[in-house]
Amino acid sequence: MKRTVLVAVHTGRDAAVESARLVINRLMGAGLAVRVLESEYAEIGCAGVEAVTGDDPGGAKDAEVMIVLGGDGSLLRAAELARPAGTPLLGVNLGHVGFLAEAEVDDLAGAVDAVVAGRYDVEERMTIDVLARQNGRILADTWALNEATVEKQERMLEVVAEIDGRPLSRWGCDGVICATPTGSTAYAFSAGGPVVWPEVEALLMVPISAHALFARPMVVSPRSTLAVEILPETPGGVLWCDGRRRFELPSGTRVEVRRGAEPVRLARLHGVEDTGAPFTDRLVAKFELPVQGWRGRVRP
């Protein structure tokens, strides 16, 4: 069977479209088949590629890898297609921080060559499954790679947080974030949560602007179930998953979060500059952390 790569791109930028054409031509020149999303096919304008719909998980079926050109938002969008098929994602950063990206656009050709040569590993990132119910009625049954967030719409929320079937605390707050280790460097980080290394299996609960004596971020077992109940006497809220999928939450809604049944798979390259680095190095580079004066061991 011919090796196939699925390519997705943030088509709102001319430079991104040109980068996508470079990727496609280089892959096809090496004898690989290429698919693109139907919504991006006309703008990319490359002959010989197959167009697939972004709403059908079958579009990623049998693809060896999905190369995503854009920022973290583009990769989160691509994960919705790749996760059901088990297809690894390779992010090429065209955005700002691009924490999920494996390669930078400056070494795009090297990243493509590594894919062609099979010089990459695949790591699995933990996800969360999210269920929202009110009086037995299911309002949302979805998932997230980074986080699920219960947020206010207009006025402050009154919620009760629960872990493993036991009440933890009542908060008047702007919201509550339930995150994965991957999401610990996203919204949860901005809300004051801890940075959790990707290989650590855990769930995070981070209150947002809570008016309470005990409102610290918490890191719990990956086997735990987190729950947030919007109290009946408070206005309803909204559920956001990865900042992409939105669900209305009336008063009295209960949101449960547990470890996801399916992970998201990420490709990690070998032999490409600035990739394959330890997470500490990635953290320093992405957040531009000051490390001047360090006198430890220098990597070969």
C-alpha atoms as a PDB file:
ATOM      1  CA  MET A   1       0.000   0.000   0.000  1.00  0.00           C
ATOM      2  CA  LYS A   2       1.313   3.448  -0.955  1.00  0.00           C
ATOM      3  CA  ARG A   3       2.336   5.641   1.950  1.00  0.00           C
ATOM      4  CA  THR A   4      -0.141   8.482   2.450  1.00  0.00           C
ATOM      5  CA  VAL A   5       0.193  11.795   4.312  1.00  0.00           C
ATOM      6  CA  LEU A   6      -2.683  14.116   5.145  1.00  0.00           C
ATOM      7  CA  VAL A   7      -1.815  17.842   5.055  1.00  0.00           C
ATOM      8  CA  ALA A   8      -3.831  20.582   6.787  1.00  0.00           C
ATOM      9  CA  VAL A   9      -3.017  24.294   6.773  1.00  0.00           C
ATOM     10  CA  HIS A  10      -4.221  27.602   8.200  1.00  0.00           C
ATOM     11  CA  THR A  11      -5.260  29.014   4.829  1.00  0.00           C
ATOM     12  CA  GLY A  12      -5.824  32.523   6.164  1.00  0.00           C
ATOM     13  CA  ARG A  13      -2.160  33.341   5.542  1.00  0.00           C
ATOM     14  CA  ASP A  14      -0.456  33.441   2.140  1.00  0.00           C
ATOM     15  CA  ALA A  15       2.818  32.247   3.662  1.00  0.00           C
ATOM     16  CA  ALA A  16       1.051  29.229   5.142  1.00  0.00           C
ATOM     17  CA  VAL A  17      -0.411  28.268   1.769  1.00  0.00           C
ATOM     18  CA  GLU A  18       3.024  28.542   0.133  1.00  0.00           C
ATOM     19  CA  SER A  19       4.470  26.352   2.891  1.00  0.00           C
ATOM     20  CA  ALA A  20       1.731  23.783   2.304  1.00  0.00           C
ATOM     21  CA  ARG A  21       2.590  23.661  -1.400  1.00  0.00           C
ATOM     22  CA  LEU A  22       6.252  23.109  -0.552  1.00  0.00           C
ATOM     23  CA  VAL A  23       5.308  20.242   1.777  1.00  0.00           C
ATOM     24  CA  ILE A  24       2.985  18.638  -0.765  1.00  0.00           C
ATOM     25  CA  ASN A  25       5.423  18.877  -3.669  1.00  0.00           C
ATOM     26  CA  ARG A  26       8.258  17.488  -1.574  1.00  0.00           C
ATOM     27  CA  LEU A  27       6.134  14.569  -0.359  1.00  0.00           C
ATOM     28  CA  MET A  28       4.850  13.741  -3.837  1.00  0.00           C
ATOM     29  CA  GLY A  29       8.367  14.067  -5.249  1.00  0.00           C
ATOM     30  CA  ALA A  30       9.416  11.346  -2.793  1.00  0.00           C
ATOM     31  CA  GLY A  31       6.636   9.070  -4.050  1.00  0.00           C
ATOM     32  CA  LEU A  32       4.135   9.532  -1.216  1.00  0.00           C
ATOM     33  CA  ALA A  33       0.415  10.091  -1.785  1.00  0.00           C
ATOM     34  CA  VAL A  34      -1.029  13.294  -0.336  1.00  0.00           C
ATOM     35  CA  ARG A  35      -4.500  14.183   0.907  1.00  0.00           C
ATOM     36  CA  VAL A  36      -5.763  17.660   1.800  1.00  0.00           C
ATOM     37  CA  LEU A  37      -8.977  18.882   3.370  1.00  0.00           C
ATOM     38  CA  GLU A  38     -11.755  19.633   0.907  1.00  0.00           C
ATOM     39  CA  SER A  39     -12.224  23.117   2.410  1.00  0.00           C
ATOM     40  CA  GLU A  40      -8.557  23.927   1.679  1.00  0.00           C
ATOM     41  CA  TYR A  41      -8.187  22.165  -1.670  1.00  0.00           C
ATOM     42  CA  ALA A  42      -9.007  25.114  -3.962  1.00  0.00           C
ATOM     43  CA  GLU A  43      -6.736  27.587  -2.179  1.00  0.00           C
ATOM     44  CA  ILE A  44      -3.768  25.200  -2.073  1.00  0.00           C
ATOM     45  CA  GLY A  45      -4.212  24.425  -5.761  1.00  0.00           C
ATOM     46  CA  CYS A  46      -1.860  21.435  -6.112  1.00  0.00           C
ATOM     47  CA  ALA A  47      -2.549  18.847  -8.779  1.00  0.00           C
ATOM     48  CA  GLY A  48      -2.479  15.150  -7.956  1.00  0.00           C
ATOM     49  CA  VAL A  49      -3.733  15.394  -4.369  1.00  0.00           C
ATOM     50  CA  GLU A  50      -6.886  13.804  -2.972  1.00  0.00           C
ATOM     51  CA  ALA A  51      -9.448  16.027  -1.239  1.00  0.00           C
ATOM     52  CA  VAL A  52     -11.212  14.658   1.857  1.00  0.00           C
ATOM     53  CA  THR A  53     -13.882  16.197   4.041  1.00  0.00           C
ATOM     54  CA  GLY A  54     -12.884  17.444   7.461  1.00  0.00           C
ATOM     55  CA  ASP A  55     -16.146  16.170   8.966  1.00  0.00           C
ATOM     56  CA  ASP A  56     -15.434  12.529   8.130  1.00  0.00           C
ATOM     57  CA  PRO A  57     -12.867  10.711  10.336  1.00  0.00           C
ATOM     58  CA  GLY A  58     -12.383   8.363   7.388  1.00  0.00           C
ATOM     59  CA  GLY A  59     -10.386  11.155   5.757  1.00  0.00           C
ATOM     60  CA  ALA A  60      -7.482  10.352   8.091  1.00  0.00           C
ATOM     61  CA  LYS A  61      -7.894   6.579   7.889  1.00  0.00           C
ATOM     62  CA  ASP A  62      -4.748   4.772   6.722  1.00  0.00           C
ATOM     63  CA  ALA A  63      -2.785   8.037   6.631  1.00  0.00           C
ATOM     64  CA  GLU A  64       0.687   7.496   8.064  1.00  0.00           C
ATOM     65  CA  VAL A  65       0.832  10.987   9.554  1.00  0.00           C
ATOM     66  CA  MET A  66      -1.095  14.279   9.401  1.00  0.00           C
ATOM     67  CA  ILE A  67       1.106  17.354   8.918  1.00  0.00           C
ATOM     68  CA  VAL A  68      -0.528  20.496  10.309  1.00  0.00           C
ATOM     69  CA  LEU A  69       0.797  23.936   9.336  1.00  0.00           C
ATOM     70  CA  GLY A  70      -0.410  26.630  11.715  1.00  0.00           C
ATOM     71  CA  GLY A  71      -0.574  27.343  15.434  1.00  0.00           C
ATOM     72  CA  ASP A  72      -1.892  25.310  18.333  1.00  0.00           C
ATOM     73  CA  GLY A  73      -5.458  26.150  17.306  1.00  0.00           C
ATOM     74  CA  SER A  74      -4.902  24.505  13.925  1.00  0.00           C
ATOM     75  CA  LEU A  75      -3.498  21.406  15.597  1.00  0.00           C
ATOM     76  CA  LEU A  76      -6.459  21.169  17.986  1.00  0.00           C
ATOM     77  CA  ARG A  77      -8.776  21.367  14.986  1.00  0.00           C
ATOM     78  CA  ALA A  78      -6.821  18.645  13.216  1.00  0.00           C
ATOM     79  CA  ALA A  79      -6.961  16.431  16.313  1.00  0.00           C
ATOM     80  CA  GLU A  80     -10.731  16.133  15.872  1.00  0.00           C
ATOM     81  CA  LEU A  81     -10.104  14.362  12.559  1.00  0.00           C
ATOM     82  CA  ALA A  82      -6.958  12.424  13.456  1.00  0.00           C
ATOM     83  CA  ARG A  83      -7.913  11.058  16.897  1.00  0.00           C
ATOM     84  CA  PRO A  84     -10.655   8.588  15.803  1.00  0.00           C
ATOM     85  CA  ALA A  85      -8.331   7.185  13.112  1.00  0.00           C
ATOM     86  CA  GLY A  86      -5.310   6.975  15.435  1.00  0.00           C
ATOM     87  CA  THR A  87      -3.285   9.060  12.960  1.00  0.00           C
ATOM     88  CA  PRO A  88      -0.233  10.852  14.446  1.00  0.00           C
ATOM     89  CA  LEU A  89      -0.135  14.642  14.177  1.00  0.00           C
ATOM     90  CA  LEU A  90       2.983  16.580  13.225  1.00  0.00           C
ATOM     91  CA  GLY A  91       2.624  20.289  13.939  1.00  0.00           C
ATOM     92  CA  VAL A  92       4.679  22.891  12.063  1.00  0.00           C
ATOM     93  CA  ASN A  93       4.478  26.192  13.922  1.00  0.00           C
ATOM     94  CA  LEU A  94       3.324  29.205  11.931  1.00  0.00           C
ATOM     95  CA  GLY A  95       1.836  30.939  14.976  1.00  0.00           C
ATOM     96  CA  HIS A  96       3.243  32.555  18.103  1.00  0.00           C
ATOM     97  CA  VAL A  97       4.010  30.103  20.927  1.00  0.00           C
ATOM     98  CA  GLY A  98       3.001  26.917  19.114  1.00  0.00           C
ATOM     99  CA  PHE A  99       3.573  24.717  22.146  1.00  0.00           C
ATOM    100  CA  LEU A 100       2.150  21.606  20.491  1.00  0.00           C
ATOM    101  CA  ALA A 101       4.193  22.038  17.319  1.00  0.00           C
ATOM    102  CA  GLU A 102       7.146  19.757  16.657  1.00  0.00           C
ATOM    103  CA  ALA A 103       8.897  21.825  13.989  1.00  0.00           C
ATOM    104  CA  GLU A 104       9.325  25.463  13.024  1.00  0.00           C
ATOM    105  CA  VAL A 105       8.673  26.765   9.535  1.00  0.00           C
ATOM    106  CA  ASP A 106      12.369  27.661   9.117  1.00  0.00           C
ATOM    107  CA  ASP A 107      13.244  23.969   8.892  1.00  0.00           C
ATOM    108  CA  LEU A 108      10.162  22.841   7.022  1.00  0.00           C
ATOM    109  CA  ALA A 109      12.104  20.912   4.366  1.00  0.00           C
ATOM    110  CA  GLY A 110      14.050  19.023   7.036  1.00  0.00           C
ATOM    111  CA  ALA A 111      10.835  18.066   8.823  1.00  0.00           C
ATOM    112  CA  VAL A 112       9.300  16.720   5.600  1.00  0.00           C
ATOM    113  CA  ASP A 113      12.467  14.765   4.807  1.00  0.00           C
ATOM    114  CA  ALA A 114      12.360  13.213   8.289  1.00  0.00           C
ATOM    115  CA  VAL A 115       8.787  12.053   7.648  1.00  0.00           C
ATOM    116  CA  VAL A 116       9.752  10.606   4.268  1.00  0.00           C
ATOM    117  CA  ALA A 117      12.666   8.727   5.858  1.00  0.00           C
ATOM    118  CA  GLY A 118      10.507   7.540   8.760  1.00  0.00           C
ATOM    119  CA  ARG A 119      12.730   9.309  11.292  1.00  0.00           C
ATOM    120  CA  TYR A 120      10.096   9.912  13.922  1.00  0.00           C
ATOM    121  CA  ASP A 121       8.550   8.345  16.985  1.00  0.00           C
ATOM    122  CA  VAL A 122       4.938   8.539  18.103  1.00  0.00           C
ATOM    123  CA  GLU A 123       3.916   9.516  21.601  1.00  0.00           C
ATOM    124  CA  GLU A 124       0.420   9.345  23.035  1.00  0.00           C
ATOM    125  CA  ARG A 125      -1.090  12.344  24.806  1.00  0.00           C
ATOM    126  CA  MET A 126      -3.806  11.799  27.365  1.00  0.00           C
ATOM    127  CA  THR A 127      -7.243  13.279  26.616  1.00  0.00           C
ATOM    128  CA  ILE A 128     -10.366  13.810  28.717  1.00  0.00           C
ATOM    129  CA  ASP A 129     -13.941  12.681  28.133  1.00  0.00           C
ATOM    130  CA  VAL A 130     -16.553  15.255  29.116  1.00  0.00           C
ATOM    131  CA  LEU A 131     -20.227  14.667  29.956  1.00  0.00           C
ATOM    132  CA  ALA A 132     -22.712  17.406  30.873  1.00  0.00           C
ATOM    133  CA  ARG A 133     -26.174  16.527  32.207  1.00  0.00           C
ATOM    134  CA  GLN A 134     -29.159  18.330  33.670  1.00  0.00           C
ATOM    135  CA  ASN A 135     -31.928  16.334  35.350  1.00  0.00           C
ATOM    136  CA  GLY A 136     -30.868  13.216  33.468  1.00  0.00           C
ATOM    137  CA  ARG A 137     -30.796  14.996  30.088  1.00  0.00           C
ATOM    138  CA  ILE A 138     -27.441  14.859  28.281  1.00  0.00           C
ATOM    139  CA  LEU A 139     -26.374  18.309  27.116  1.00  0.00           C
ATOM    140  CA  ALA A 140     -22.872  17.418  25.925  1.00  0.00           C
ATOM    141  CA  ASP A 141     -20.910  14.210  25.398  1.00  0.00           C
ATOM    142  CA  THR A 142     -17.517  15.201  24.023  1.00  0.00           C
ATOM    143  CA  TRP A 143     -13.769  15.223  24.662  1.00  0.00           C
ATOM    144  CA  ALA A 144     -10.733  17.523  24.815  1.00  0.00           C
ATOM    145  CA  LEU A 145      -6.962  17.352  24.413  1.00  0.00           C
ATOM    146  CA  ASN A 146      -6.138  20.489  26.425  1.00  0.00           C
ATOM    147  CA  GLU A 147      -9.045  21.335  28.694  1.00  0.00           C
ATOM    148  CA  ALA A 148     -12.758  21.486  29.389  1.00  0.00           C
ATOM    149  CA  THR A 149     -13.831  24.770  30.976  1.00  0.00           C
ATOM    150  CA  VAL A 150     -17.066  25.612  32.767  1.00  0.00           C
ATOM    151  CA  GLU A 151     -17.355  29.407  32.463  1.00  0.00           C
ATOM    152  CA  LYS A 152     -19.745  32.180  33.376  1.00  0.00           C
ATOM    153  CA  GLN A 153     -21.748  33.901  30.671  1.00  0.00           C
ATOM    154  CA  GLU A 154     -22.613  37.190  32.361  1.00  0.00           C
ATOM    155  CA  ARG A 155     -22.588  36.996  36.148  1.00  0.00           C
ATOM    156  CA  MET A 156     -20.344  35.028  38.468  1.00  0.00           C
ATOM    157  CA  LEU A 157     -21.062  31.313  38.792  1.00  0.00           C
ATOM    158  CA  GLU A 158     -21.802  29.489  42.041  1.00  0.00           C
ATOM    159  CA  VAL A 159     -20.484  25.950  41.720  1.00  0.00           C
ATOM    160  CA  VAL A 160     -19.628  22.951  43.856  1.00  0.00           C
ATOM    161  CA  ALA A 161     -16.466  21.065  42.845  1.00  0.00           C
ATOM    162  CA  GLU A 162     -16.311  17.314  43.390  1.00  0.00           C
ATOM    163  CA  ILE A 163     -13.566  14.705  43.118  1.00  0.00           C
ATOM    164  CA  ASP A 164     -14.291  10.962  43.060  1.00  0.00           C
ATOM    165  CA  GLY A 165     -17.869  11.388  44.171  1.00  0.00           C
ATOM    166  CA  ARG A 166     -17.044  13.540  47.211  1.00  0.00           C
ATOM    167  CA  PRO A 167     -17.650  17.302  47.502  1.00  0.00           C
ATOM    168  CA  LEU A 168     -14.476  19.381  47.633  1.00  0.00           C
ATOM    169  CA  SER A 169     -15.538  23.033  47.904  1.00  0.00           C
ATOM    170  CA  ARG A 170     -18.121  25.590  46.862  1.00  0.00           C
ATOM    171  CA  TRP A 171     -16.834  28.515  44.808  1.00  0.00           C
ATOM    172  CA  GLY A 172     -18.201  31.773  43.532  1.00  0.00           C
ATOM    173  CA  CYS A 173     -16.017  32.113  40.453  1.00  0.00           C
ATOM    174  CA  ASP A 174     -15.620  32.991  36.808  1.00  0.00           C
ATOM    175  CA  GLY A 175     -15.223  29.317  35.994  1.00  0.00           C
ATOM    176  CA  VAL A 176     -13.365  26.055  36.544  1.00  0.00           C
ATOM    177  CA  ILE A 177     -10.781  24.473  34.218  1.00  0.00           C
ATOM    178  CA  CYS A 178     -10.353  20.695  34.040  1.00  0.00           C
ATOM    179  CA  ALA A 179      -7.163  20.029  32.104  1.00  0.00           C
ATOM    180  CA  THR A 180      -4.716  17.384  30.950  1.00  0.00           C
ATOM    181  CA  PRO A 181      -0.914  17.629  31.303  1.00  0.00           C
ATOM    182  CA  THR A 182      -0.844  18.777  27.668  1.00  0.00           C
ATOM    183  CA  GLY A 183      -3.299  21.535  28.576  1.00  0.00           C
ATOM    184  CA  SER A 184      -1.273  22.589  31.617  1.00  0.00           C
ATOM    185  CA  THR A 185       0.685  25.027  29.428  1.00  0.00           C
ATOM    186  CA  ALA A 186      -2.465  26.477  27.856  1.00  0.00           C
ATOM    187  CA  TYR A 187      -5.505  28.057  29.579  1.00  0.00           C
ATOM    188  CA  ALA A 188      -4.758  26.361  32.908  1.00  0.00           C
ATOM    189  CA  PHE A 189      -1.309  27.973  32.945  1.00  0.00           C
ATOM    190  CA  SER A 190      -2.802  31.424  32.330  1.00  0.00           C
ATOM    191  CA  ALA A 191      -5.191  30.859  35.251  1.00  0.00           C
ATOM    192  CA  GLY A 192      -2.313  30.083  37.638  1.00  0.00           C
ATOM    193  CA  GLY A 193      -2.153  26.311  37.309  1.00  0.00           C
ATOM    194  CA  PRO A 194       1.068  24.278  37.455  1.00  0.00           C
ATOM    195  CA  VAL A 195       3.100  23.112  34.480  1.00  0.00           C
ATOM    196  CA  VAL A 196       2.863  19.299  34.297  1.00  0.00           C
ATOM    197  CA  TRP A 197       5.342  17.316  32.189  1.00  0.00           C
ATOM    198  CA  PRO A 198       3.562  15.426  29.357  1.00  0.00           C
ATOM    199  CA  GLU A 199       4.663  11.976  30.544  1.00  0.00           C
ATOM    200  CA  VAL A 200       3.003  12.548  33.934  1.00  0.00           C
ATOM    201  CA  GLU A 201      -0.466  11.025  33.930  1.00  0.00           C
ATOM    202  CA  ALA A 202      -2.761  13.296  35.916  1.00  0.00           C
ATOM    203  CA  LEU A 203      -5.836  15.496  35.802  1.00  0.00           C
ATOM    204  CA  LEU A 204      -5.854  19.170  36.789  1.00  0.00           C
ATOM    205  CA  MET A 205      -8.638  21.258  38.335  1.00  0.00           C
ATOM    206  CA  VAL A 206      -8.002  25.012  38.305  1.00  0.00           C
ATOM    207  CA  PRO A 207     -10.584  27.541  39.606  1.00  0.00           C
ATOM    208  CA  ILE A 208     -10.762  30.854  37.740  1.00  0.00           C
ATOM    209  CA  SER A 209     -10.922  33.977  39.943  1.00  0.00           C
ATOM    210  CA  ALA A 210     -12.648  32.145  42.781  1.00  0.00           C
ATOM    211  CA  HIS A 211     -13.946  34.046  45.830  1.00  0.00           C
ATOM    212  CA  ALA A 212     -13.044  31.410  48.422  1.00  0.00           C
ATOM    213  CA  LEU A 213     -10.482  30.686  51.110  1.00  0.00           C
ATOM    214  CA  PHE A 214      -9.529  27.378  49.468  1.00  0.00           C
ATOM    215  CA  ALA A 215      -9.251  27.822  45.721  1.00  0.00           C
ATOM    216  CA  ARG A 216      -5.867  26.432  44.765  1.00  0.00           C
ATOM    217  CA  PRO A 217      -5.084  24.459  41.583  1.00  0.00           C
ATOM    218  CA  MET A 218      -5.169  20.714  42.183  1.00  0.00           C
ATOM    219  CA  VAL A 219      -3.426  17.781  40.501  1.00  0.00           C
ATOM    220  CA  VAL A 220      -5.208  14.456  40.962  1.00  0.00           C
ATOM    221  CA  SER A 221      -4.971  10.848  39.846  1.00  0.00           C
ATOM    222  CA  PRO A 222      -5.719  10.034  36.189  1.00  0.00           C
ATOM    223  CA  ARG A 223      -8.179   7.446  37.553  1.00  0.00           C
ATOM    224  CA  SER A 224     -10.197  10.151  39.309  1.00  0.00           C
ATOM    225  CA  THR A 225     -13.448  11.685  38.120  1.00  0.00           C
ATOM    226  CA  LEU A 226     -13.785  15.452  38.377  1.00  0.00           C
ATOM    227  CA  ALA A 227     -17.197  17.103  38.549  1.00  0.00           C
ATOM    228  CA  VAL A 228     -18.470  20.667  38.575  1.00  0.00           C
ATOM    229  CA  GLU A 229     -22.107  21.353  39.481  1.00  0.00           C
ATOM    230  CA  ILE A 230     -23.686  24.713  38.650  1.00  0.00           C
ATOM    231  CA  LEU A 231     -25.978  25.431  41.587  1.00  0.00           C
ATOM    232  CA  PRO A 232     -29.687  25.958  40.790  1.00  0.00           C
ATOM    233  CA  GLU A 233     -29.757  29.438  42.339  1.00  0.00           C
ATOM    234  CA  THR A 234     -26.999  30.756  40.054  1.00  0.00           C
ATOM    235  CA  PRO A 235     -27.167  31.833  36.373  1.00  0.00           C
ATOM    236  CA  GLY A 236     -26.249  29.234  33.793  1.00  0.00           C
ATOM    237  CA  GLY A 237     -22.850  28.985  32.210  1.00  0.00           C
ATOM    238  CA  VAL A 238     -21.111  27.644  29.154  1.00  0.00           C
ATOM    239  CA  LEU A 239     -18.841  24.666  28.516  1.00  0.00           C
ATOM    240  CA  TRP A 240     -15.852  25.105  26.214  1.00  0.00           C
ATOM    241  CA  CYS A 241     -13.721  22.145  25.081  1.00  0.00           C
ATOM    242  CA  ASP A 242     -10.299  23.123  23.711  1.00  0.00           C
ATOM    243  CA  GLY A 243     -11.739  26.572  23.012  1.00  0.00           C
ATOM    244  CA  ARG A 244     -13.473  25.084  19.959  1.00  0.00           C
ATOM    245  CA  ARG A 245     -16.671  23.307  20.966  1.00  0.00           C
ATOM    246  CA  ARG A 246     -19.255  25.316  22.941  1.00  0.00           C
ATOM    247  CA  PHE A 247     -22.275  24.063  24.888  1.00  0.00           C
ATOM    248  CA  GLU A 248     -24.871  25.998  26.880  1.00  0.00           C
ATOM    249  CA  LEU A 249     -25.123  24.947  30.542  1.00  0.00           C
ATOM    250  CA  PRO A 250     -28.394  25.850  32.299  1.00  0.00           C
ATOM    251  CA  SER A 251     -28.559  26.205  36.084  1.00  0.00           C
ATOM    252  CA  GLY A 252     -28.360  22.828  37.795  1.00  0.00           C
ATOM    253  CA  THR A 253     -26.056  21.274  35.169  1.00  0.00           C
ATOM    254  CA  ARG A 254     -23.455  18.752  36.267  1.00  0.00           C
ATOM    255  CA  VAL A 255     -20.243  18.406  34.208  1.00  0.00           C
ATOM    256  CA  GLU A 256     -18.141  15.257  34.699  1.00  0.00           C
ATOM    257  CA  VAL A 257     -14.582  14.892  33.435  1.00  0.00           C
ATOM    258  CA  ARG A 258     -12.520  11.705  33.360  1.00  0.00           C
ATOM    259  CA  ARG A 259      -9.566  10.296  31.471  1.00  0.00           C
ATOM    260  CA  GLY A 260     -10.344   9.942  27.774  1.00  0.00           C
ATOM    261  CA  ALA A 261     -10.871   6.548  26.187  1.00  0.00           C
ATOM    262  CA  GLU A 262      -8.715   7.511  23.179  1.00  0.00           C
ATOM    263  CA  PRO A 263      -5.420   9.449  23.226  1.00  0.00           C
ATOM    264  CA  VAL A 264      -4.174  11.920  20.643  1.00  0.00           C
ATOM    265  CA  ARG A 265      -0.975  10.720  18.968  1.00  0.00           C
ATOM    266  CA  LEU A 266       1.851  13.173  18.208  1.00  0.00           C
ATOM    267  CA  ALA A 267       4.830  12.556  15.916  1.00  0.00           C
ATOM    268  CA  ARG A 268       8.265  13.457  17.322  1.00  0.00           C
ATOM    269  CA  LEU A 269      11.051  13.871  14.779  1.00  0.00           C
ATOM    270  CA  HIS A 270      14.656  12.680  14.792  1.00  0.00           C
ATOM    271  CA  GLY A 271      17.541  14.610  13.320  1.00  0.00           C
ATOM    272  CA  VAL A 272      15.787  17.934  12.843  1.00  0.00           C
ATOM    273  CA  GLU A 273      17.136  21.075  14.496  1.00  0.00           C
ATOM    274  CA  ASP A 274      15.369  22.069  17.742  1.00  0.00           C
ATOM    275  CA  THR A 275      13.178  18.947  17.800  1.00  0.00           C
ATOM    276  CA  GLY A 276      13.401  15.855  19.912  1.00  0.00           C
ATOM    277  CA  ALA A 277      14.523  18.057  22.813  1.00  0.00           C
ATOM    278  CA  PRO A 278      13.593  17.344  26.428  1.00  0.00           C
ATOM    279  CA  PHE A 279      10.411  19.033  27.614  1.00  0.00           C
ATOM    280  CA  THR A 280      12.472  21.360  29.805  1.00  0.00           C
ATOM    281  CA  ASP A 281      14.245  22.737  26.722  1.00  0.00           C
ATOM    282  CA  ARG A 282      10.920  23.110  24.921  1.00  0.00           C
ATOM    283  CA  LEU A 283       9.508  25.005  27.907  1.00  0.00           C
ATOM    284  CA  VAL A 284      12.500  27.365  28.001  1.00  0.00           C
ATOM    285  CA  ALA A 285      12.348  28.002  24.248  1.00  0.00           C
ATOM    286  CA  LYS A 286       8.589  28.527  23.958  1.00  0.00           C
ATOM    287  CA  PHE A 287       8.279  30.804  26.996  1.00  0.00           C
ATOM    288  CA  GLU A 288      11.683  32.460  26.438  1.00  0.00           C
ATOM    289  CA  LEU A 289      12.698  31.719  30.033  1.00  0.00           C
ATOM    290  CA  PRO A 290      15.954  33.312  31.302  1.00  0.00           C
ATOM    291  CA  VAL A 291      18.650  30.677  31.910  1.00  0.00           C
ATOM    292  CA  GLN A 292      21.788  32.812  31.668  1.00  0.00           C
ATOM    293  CA  GLY A 293      24.442  31.721  34.147  1.00  0.00           C
ATOM    294  CA  TRP A 294      23.583  28.015  34.056  1.00  0.00           C
ATOM    295  CA  ARG A 295      26.759  25.940  34.385  1.00  0.00           C
ATOM    296  CA  GLY A 296      25.400  22.423  34.113  1.00  0.00           C
ATOM    297  CA  ARG A 297      26.148  19.680  31.616  1.00  0.00           C
ATOM    298  CA  VAL A 298      26.085  20.723  27.963  1.00  0.00           C
ATOM    299  CA  ARG A 299      24.163  18.398  25.655  1.00  0.00           C
ATOM    300  CA  PRO A 300      26.302  16.786  22.932  1.00  0.00           C
END
